[in-house]
Amino acid sequence: DGRGDQPASTSAGARAILVVDDSQVLLYLARRALELEGFDVLTAADGPTALSLAREHSCRVAAAVLDLSMPGMSGFEAYDELQQICPGLKVLVTSGWDEEDVYKRFEGRELAAYIRKPYGAEELTQTIRFVVGEG
């Protein structure tokens, strides 16, 4: 019926977006923006939490938004682990680093997209829609 915590579109395909960032402000911004676009949003403030959520919801996750600089587990480590749990997962990377540096560091890995921090809600939602094939 579309009510409650479960997304109404689960049977229609993966509509969950996993957002991983140690900034509570960015997690809140991403959740609000993506939920307004009809996505189910899973948030994690660190890599280990993200991996746990990916294991629990892997068949529903359409894409991940991954910060590269986090305490404990880097975005690079989290990326590799997420690909083990959800092979082929589309990953949008966010960072304050220069785009060219990010792509060099990810050489041999496939990134769906990159957004430089700080980013706005519109930039995030447009990029996610593109990444999941809705844009």
N, C-alpha and C. Protein backbone atom coordinates (compact mmCIF):
# COMPACT_ATOMS: atom_id res chain seq x y z
N ASP A 1 0.80 -1.20 0.00
CA ASP A 1 0.00 0.00 0.00
C ASP A 1 0.84 1.26 0.00
N GLY A 2 2.16 1.13 0.06
CA GLY A 2 3.03 2.27 -0.02
C GLY A 2 3.25 2.99 1.29
N ARG A 3 2.58 2.53 2.38
CA ARG A 3 2.78 3.19 3.67
C ARG A 3 3.80 2.42 4.50
N GLY A 4 4.32 3.08 5.51
CA GLY A 4 5.28 2.41 6.39
C GLY A 4 6.71 2.66 5.95
N ASP A 5 7.62 1.89 6.52
CA ASP A 5 9.04 2.11 6.27
C ASP A 5 9.54 1.48 4.99
N GLN A 6 8.80 0.54 4.43
CA GLN A 6 9.25 -0.13 3.22
C GLN A 6 8.84 0.67 1.99
N PRO A 7 9.73 0.80 1.01
CA PRO A 7 9.36 1.55 -0.19
C PRO A 7 8.31 0.79 -0.98
N ALA A 8 7.38 1.54 -1.56
CA ALA A 8 6.29 0.93 -2.32
C ALA A 8 6.80 0.25 -3.58
N SER A 9 7.97 0.68 -4.07
CA SER A 9 8.45 0.19 -5.36
C SER A 9 9.44 -0.97 -5.25
N THR A 10 9.54 -1.61 -4.09
CA THR A 10 10.51 -2.68 -3.91
C THR A 10 10.40 -3.75 -5.00
N SER A 11 9.17 -4.17 -5.31
CA SER A 11 9.00 -5.23 -6.29
C SER A 11 9.32 -4.77 -7.71
N ALA A 12 9.31 -3.46 -7.93
CA ALA A 12 9.58 -2.93 -9.26
C ALA A 12 11.07 -2.83 -9.54
N GLY A 13 11.89 -3.04 -8.54
CA GLY A 13 13.33 -2.96 -8.73
C GLY A 13 13.99 -2.19 -7.61
N ALA A 14 15.29 -2.19 -7.63
CA ALA A 14 16.05 -1.54 -6.56
C ALA A 14 15.86 -0.02 -6.62
N ARG A 15 15.42 0.55 -5.52
CA ARG A 15 15.23 2.01 -5.43
C ARG A 15 15.93 2.58 -4.20
N ALA A 16 16.72 1.77 -3.51
CA ALA A 16 17.41 2.26 -2.33
C ALA A 16 18.76 2.85 -2.72
N ILE A 17 19.10 3.96 -2.07
CA ILE A 17 20.40 4.59 -2.26
C ILE A 17 21.11 4.55 -0.91
N LEU A 18 22.32 4.03 -0.90
CA LEU A 18 23.14 3.98 0.31
C LEU A 18 24.05 5.21 0.30
N VAL A 19 23.92 6.07 1.31
CA VAL A 19 24.72 7.28 1.41
C VAL A 19 25.68 7.11 2.59
N VAL A 20 26.98 7.25 2.30
CA VAL A 20 28.02 7.04 3.31
C VAL A 20 28.85 8.31 3.44
N ASP A 21 28.77 8.94 4.60
CA ASP A 21 29.53 10.18 4.84
C ASP A 21 29.63 10.38 6.34
N ASP A 22 30.77 10.87 6.80
CA ASP A 22 30.91 11.12 8.23
C ASP A 22 30.33 12.47 8.65
N SER A 23 29.83 13.24 7.70
CA SER A 23 29.18 14.52 8.00
C SER A 23 27.67 14.30 8.19
N GLN A 24 27.19 14.54 9.40
CA GLN A 24 25.76 14.39 9.68
C GLN A 24 24.93 15.37 8.85
N VAL A 25 25.48 16.55 8.59
CA VAL A 25 24.78 17.55 7.78
C VAL A 25 24.57 17.03 6.35
N LEU A 26 25.62 16.44 5.76
CA LEU A 26 25.48 15.91 4.40
C LEU A 26 24.58 14.68 4.36
N LEU A 27 24.62 13.84 5.40
CA LEU A 27 23.71 12.70 5.44
C LEU A 27 22.26 13.18 5.47
N TYR A 28 22.00 14.20 6.26
CA TYR A 28 20.65 14.75 6.35
C TYR A 28 20.22 15.36 5.00
N LEU A 29 21.10 16.17 4.41
CA LEU A 29 20.80 16.78 3.10
C LEU A 29 20.51 15.70 2.06
N ALA A 30 21.36 14.69 1.98
CA ALA A 30 21.19 13.64 0.98
C ALA A 30 19.89 12.87 1.21
N ARG A 31 19.61 12.51 2.48
CA ARG A 31 18.38 11.79 2.77
C ARG A 31 17.16 12.60 2.33
N ARG A 32 17.09 13.86 2.74
CA ARG A 32 15.94 14.70 2.39
C ARG A 32 15.78 14.84 0.87
N ALA A 33 16.87 15.14 0.19
CA ALA A 33 16.81 15.37 -1.26
C ALA A 33 16.40 14.11 -2.00
N LEU A 34 16.99 12.98 -1.64
CA LEU A 34 16.70 11.74 -2.37
C LEU A 34 15.33 11.17 -2.03
N GLU A 35 14.89 11.34 -0.78
CA GLU A 35 13.54 10.88 -0.43
C GLU A 35 12.49 11.69 -1.19
N LEU A 36 12.73 12.98 -1.39
CA LEU A 36 11.80 13.80 -2.16
C LEU A 36 11.71 13.32 -3.61
N GLU A 37 12.75 12.65 -4.09
CA GLU A 37 12.76 12.10 -5.45
C GLU A 37 12.17 10.68 -5.48
N GLY A 38 11.73 10.19 -4.34
CA GLY A 38 11.08 8.88 -4.29
C GLY A 38 12.00 7.71 -3.98
N PHE A 39 13.24 7.99 -3.61
CA PHE A 39 14.17 6.91 -3.27
C PHE A 39 14.05 6.54 -1.79
N ASP A 40 14.35 5.29 -1.49
CA ASP A 40 14.50 4.82 -0.12
C ASP A 40 15.97 5.06 0.21
N VAL A 41 16.26 5.74 1.29
CA VAL A 41 17.64 6.13 1.59
C VAL A 41 18.15 5.44 2.84
N LEU A 42 19.30 4.80 2.70
CA LEU A 42 20.00 4.18 3.82
C LEU A 42 21.23 5.04 4.08
N THR A 43 21.47 5.43 5.33
CA THR A 43 22.61 6.28 5.62
C THR A 43 23.57 5.60 6.59
N ALA A 44 24.85 5.89 6.40
CA ALA A 44 25.90 5.37 7.27
C ALA A 44 26.95 6.44 7.47
N ALA A 45 27.42 6.59 8.70
CA ALA A 45 28.42 7.61 9.02
C ALA A 45 29.84 7.08 8.90
N ASP A 46 29.97 5.79 8.59
CA ASP A 46 31.31 5.21 8.43
C ASP A 46 31.24 3.96 7.57
N GLY A 47 32.42 3.49 7.16
CA GLY A 47 32.50 2.33 6.29
C GLY A 47 31.91 1.06 6.87
N PRO A 48 32.26 0.67 8.11
CA PRO A 48 31.70 -0.57 8.66
C PRO A 48 30.18 -0.58 8.71
N THR A 49 29.57 0.56 9.06
CA THR A 49 28.11 0.64 9.08
C THR A 49 27.55 0.48 7.67
N ALA A 50 28.22 1.09 6.69
CA ALA A 50 27.79 0.97 5.30
C ALA A 50 27.82 -0.48 4.84
N LEU A 51 28.88 -1.19 5.20
CA LEU A 51 29.01 -2.60 4.80
C LEU A 51 27.90 -3.44 5.42
N SER A 52 27.59 -3.17 6.67
CA SER A 52 26.52 -3.90 7.35
C SER A 52 25.18 -3.65 6.65
N LEU A 53 24.90 -2.39 6.30
CA LEU A 53 23.65 -2.07 5.59
C LEU A 53 23.63 -2.72 4.21
N ALA A 54 24.76 -2.74 3.53
CA ALA A 54 24.83 -3.35 2.20
C ALA A 54 24.53 -4.84 2.29
N ARG A 55 25.06 -5.50 3.30
CA ARG A 55 24.78 -6.94 3.47
C ARG A 55 23.30 -7.17 3.72
N GLU A 56 22.71 -6.31 4.54
CA GLU A 56 21.31 -6.47 4.92
C GLU A 56 20.34 -6.15 3.78
N HIS A 57 20.70 -5.19 2.93
CA HIS A 57 19.77 -4.69 1.91
C HIS A 57 20.31 -4.83 0.49
N SER A 58 21.27 -5.69 0.25
CA SER A 58 21.99 -5.71 -1.04
C SER A 58 21.09 -5.80 -2.26
N CYS A 59 20.02 -6.56 -2.20
CA CYS A 59 19.19 -6.72 -3.39
C CYS A 59 18.35 -5.48 -3.68
N ARG A 60 18.28 -4.54 -2.73
CA ARG A 60 17.48 -3.33 -2.92
C ARG A 60 18.32 -2.12 -3.28
N VAL A 61 19.64 -2.19 -3.09
CA VAL A 61 20.48 -1.00 -3.27
C VAL A 61 20.77 -0.78 -4.76
N ALA A 62 20.32 0.37 -5.27
CA ALA A 62 20.52 0.71 -6.68
C ALA A 62 21.87 1.38 -6.89
N ALA A 63 22.32 2.14 -5.87
CA ALA A 63 23.58 2.87 -6.00
C ALA A 63 24.04 3.31 -4.62
N ALA A 64 25.33 3.68 -4.54
CA ALA A 64 25.88 4.21 -3.30
C ALA A 64 26.52 5.56 -3.56
N VAL A 65 26.38 6.45 -2.59
CA VAL A 65 27.05 7.74 -2.58
C VAL A 65 28.12 7.61 -1.49
N LEU A 66 29.38 7.68 -1.89
CA LEU A 66 30.47 7.33 -0.98
C LEU A 66 31.47 8.47 -0.82
N ASP A 67 31.64 8.93 0.42
CA ASP A 67 32.66 9.92 0.75
C ASP A 67 34.01 9.20 0.82
N LEU A 68 35.05 9.83 0.29
CA LEU A 68 36.37 9.18 0.30
C LEU A 68 37.11 9.33 1.62
N SER A 69 36.91 10.44 2.31
CA SER A 69 37.67 10.72 3.53
C SER A 69 36.81 10.51 4.76
N MET A 70 36.96 9.34 5.37
CA MET A 70 36.22 9.03 6.58
C MET A 70 37.18 8.41 7.59
N PRO A 71 36.91 8.59 8.87
CA PRO A 71 37.77 7.97 9.88
C PRO A 71 37.58 6.46 9.90
N GLY A 72 38.64 5.75 10.24
CA GLY A 72 38.55 4.31 10.41
C GLY A 72 38.73 3.52 9.14
N MET A 73 37.87 3.72 8.18
CA MET A 73 37.93 3.00 6.91
C MET A 73 37.79 4.02 5.78
N SER A 74 38.77 4.06 4.91
CA SER A 74 38.71 5.03 3.81
C SER A 74 37.61 4.67 2.82
N GLY A 75 37.26 5.65 2.01
CA GLY A 75 36.28 5.41 0.95
C GLY A 75 36.77 4.37 -0.05
N PHE A 76 38.09 4.31 -0.25
CA PHE A 76 38.65 3.32 -1.17
C PHE A 76 38.44 1.91 -0.64
N GLU A 77 38.71 1.73 0.66
CA GLU A 77 38.49 0.41 1.28
C GLU A 77 37.01 0.05 1.26
N ALA A 78 36.17 1.03 1.59
CA ALA A 78 34.72 0.79 1.59
C ALA A 78 34.24 0.42 0.19
N TYR A 79 34.76 1.10 -0.83
CA TYR A 79 34.39 0.79 -2.22
C TYR A 79 34.68 -0.68 -2.53
N ASP A 80 35.90 -1.11 -2.23
CA ASP A 80 36.28 -2.50 -2.53
C ASP A 80 35.39 -3.50 -1.81
N GLU A 81 35.10 -3.23 -0.54
CA GLU A 81 34.24 -4.14 0.23
C GLU A 81 32.81 -4.14 -0.30
N LEU A 82 32.30 -2.95 -0.64
CA LEU A 82 30.94 -2.86 -1.19
C LEU A 82 30.83 -3.65 -2.49
N GLN A 83 31.87 -3.62 -3.31
CA GLN A 83 31.85 -4.36 -4.57
C GLN A 83 31.85 -5.87 -4.33
N GLN A 84 32.44 -6.31 -3.21
CA GLN A 84 32.41 -7.73 -2.86
C GLN A 84 31.00 -8.14 -2.45
N ILE A 85 30.33 -7.27 -1.71
CA ILE A 85 28.98 -7.57 -1.22
C ILE A 85 27.95 -7.45 -2.34
N CYS A 86 28.07 -6.39 -3.13
CA CYS A 86 27.12 -6.10 -4.21
C CYS A 86 27.91 -5.92 -5.50
N PRO A 87 28.33 -7.00 -6.15
CA PRO A 87 29.13 -6.86 -7.37
C PRO A 87 28.43 -5.98 -8.41
N GLY A 88 29.20 -5.05 -8.96
CA GLY A 88 28.64 -4.16 -9.98
C GLY A 88 27.87 -2.99 -9.43
N LEU A 89 27.88 -2.81 -8.10
CA LEU A 89 27.16 -1.68 -7.51
C LEU A 89 27.66 -0.38 -8.12
N LYS A 90 26.72 0.48 -8.50
CA LYS A 90 27.07 1.79 -9.06
C LYS A 90 27.43 2.71 -7.90
N VAL A 91 28.65 3.26 -7.95
CA VAL A 91 29.13 4.10 -6.86
C VAL A 91 29.42 5.51 -7.35
N LEU A 92 28.78 6.47 -6.71
CA LEU A 92 29.02 7.88 -6.93
C LEU A 92 29.93 8.32 -5.79
N VAL A 93 31.10 8.85 -6.11
CA VAL A 93 32.07 9.27 -5.11
C VAL A 93 31.95 10.77 -4.87
N THR A 94 32.02 11.16 -3.59
CA THR A 94 32.06 12.57 -3.24
C THR A 94 33.36 12.86 -2.49
N SER A 95 33.92 14.02 -2.75
CA SER A 95 35.18 14.38 -2.10
C SER A 95 35.47 15.85 -2.35
N GLY A 96 36.30 16.41 -1.50
CA GLY A 96 36.81 17.75 -1.73
C GLY A 96 38.02 17.73 -2.65
N TRP A 97 38.49 16.53 -2.98
CA TRP A 97 39.66 16.38 -3.85
C TRP A 97 39.31 16.76 -5.28
N ASP A 98 40.34 17.05 -6.04
CA ASP A 98 40.20 17.35 -7.45
C ASP A 98 39.72 16.09 -8.19
N GLU A 99 38.82 16.26 -9.14
CA GLU A 99 38.23 15.13 -9.88
C GLU A 99 39.30 14.25 -10.53
N GLU A 100 40.30 14.88 -11.12
CA GLU A 100 41.36 14.12 -11.79
C GLU A 100 42.10 13.23 -10.80
N ASP A 101 42.39 13.75 -9.60
CA ASP A 101 43.06 12.96 -8.57
C ASP A 101 42.22 11.75 -8.16
N VAL A 102 40.92 11.97 -8.02
CA VAL A 102 40.02 10.87 -7.63
C VAL A 102 40.05 9.77 -8.67
N TYR A 103 39.90 10.14 -9.95
CA TYR A 103 39.88 9.12 -11.00
C TYR A 103 41.23 8.39 -11.10
N LYS A 104 42.33 9.10 -10.86
CA LYS A 104 43.65 8.45 -10.87
C LYS A 104 43.73 7.41 -9.75
N ARG A 105 43.25 7.77 -8.57
CA ARG A 105 43.31 6.85 -7.42
C ARG A 105 42.39 5.65 -7.62
N PHE A 106 41.33 5.83 -8.41
CA PHE A 106 40.40 4.73 -8.67
C PHE A 106 40.73 3.97 -9.95
N GLU A 107 41.91 4.19 -10.49
CA GLU A 107 42.29 3.50 -11.71
C GLU A 107 42.13 1.99 -11.53
N GLY A 108 41.48 1.35 -12.50
CA GLY A 108 41.22 -0.08 -12.40
C GLY A 108 39.89 -0.40 -11.73
N ARG A 109 39.24 0.62 -11.17
CA ARG A 109 37.92 0.45 -10.57
C ARG A 109 36.95 1.31 -11.36
N GLU A 110 35.71 0.93 -11.35
CA GLU A 110 34.72 1.69 -12.12
C GLU A 110 33.89 2.59 -11.22
N LEU A 111 33.93 3.88 -11.51
CA LEU A 111 33.09 4.84 -10.80
C LEU A 111 31.92 5.23 -11.68
N ALA A 112 30.74 5.31 -11.09
CA ALA A 112 29.56 5.73 -11.84
C ALA A 112 29.57 7.24 -12.05
N ALA A 113 30.09 7.97 -11.04
CA ALA A 113 30.12 9.43 -11.12
C ALA A 113 30.95 9.99 -9.98
N TYR A 114 31.25 11.28 -10.10
CA TYR A 114 31.99 12.00 -9.06
C TYR A 114 31.32 13.34 -8.84
N ILE A 115 31.15 13.72 -7.58
CA ILE A 115 30.65 15.06 -7.23
C ILE A 115 31.64 15.66 -6.24
N ARG A 116 32.09 16.86 -6.56
CA ARG A 116 33.01 17.56 -5.65
C ARG A 116 32.21 18.20 -4.51
N LYS A 117 32.74 18.05 -3.30
CA LYS A 117 32.14 18.70 -2.14
C LYS A 117 32.58 20.16 -2.09
N PRO A 118 31.77 21.04 -1.60
CA PRO A 118 30.40 20.81 -1.15
C PRO A 118 29.44 20.75 -2.35
N TYR A 119 28.43 19.95 -2.25
CA TYR A 119 27.45 19.83 -3.33
C TYR A 119 26.07 20.19 -2.80
N GLY A 120 25.19 20.50 -3.72
CA GLY A 120 23.82 20.85 -3.35
C GLY A 120 22.86 19.71 -3.64
N ALA A 121 21.67 19.83 -3.13
CA ALA A 121 20.65 18.79 -3.29
C ALA A 121 20.33 18.52 -4.75
N GLU A 122 20.22 19.58 -5.55
CA GLU A 122 19.86 19.40 -6.96
C GLU A 122 20.95 18.64 -7.72
N GLU A 123 22.21 19.00 -7.47
CA GLU A 123 23.32 18.31 -8.13
C GLU A 123 23.32 16.83 -7.75
N LEU A 124 23.09 16.54 -6.47
CA LEU A 124 23.08 15.15 -6.01
C LEU A 124 21.93 14.37 -6.66
N THR A 125 20.73 14.91 -6.63
CA THR A 125 19.58 14.16 -7.16
C THR A 125 19.69 13.96 -8.67
N GLN A 126 20.14 14.99 -9.40
CA GLN A 126 20.30 14.83 -10.85
C GLN A 126 21.34 13.75 -11.16
N THR A 127 22.44 13.75 -10.42
CA THR A 127 23.49 12.77 -10.67
C THR A 127 23.02 11.36 -10.33
N ILE A 128 22.31 11.21 -9.22
CA ILE A 128 21.80 9.88 -8.85
C ILE A 128 20.81 9.39 -9.89
N ARG A 129 19.92 10.26 -10.34
CA ARG A 129 18.94 9.84 -11.37
C ARG A 129 19.67 9.36 -12.63
N PHE A 130 20.74 10.05 -13.00
CA PHE A 130 21.55 9.64 -14.15
C PHE A 130 22.20 8.28 -13.89
N VAL A 131 22.79 8.12 -12.71
CA VAL A 131 23.51 6.89 -12.36
C VAL A 131 22.58 5.68 -12.39
N VAL A 132 21.36 5.83 -11.90
CA VAL A 132 20.43 4.70 -11.87
C VAL A 132 19.58 4.59 -13.13
N GLY A 133 19.89 5.43 -14.13
CA GLY A 133 19.23 5.31 -15.42
C GLY A 133 17.88 5.97 -15.51
N GLU A 134 17.66 6.98 -14.66
CA GLU A 134 16.38 7.69 -14.69
C GLU A 134 16.53 9.13 -15.15
N GLY A 135 17.76 9.52 -15.50
CA GLY A 135 17.98 10.93 -15.80
C GLY A 135 18.19 11.25 -17.23
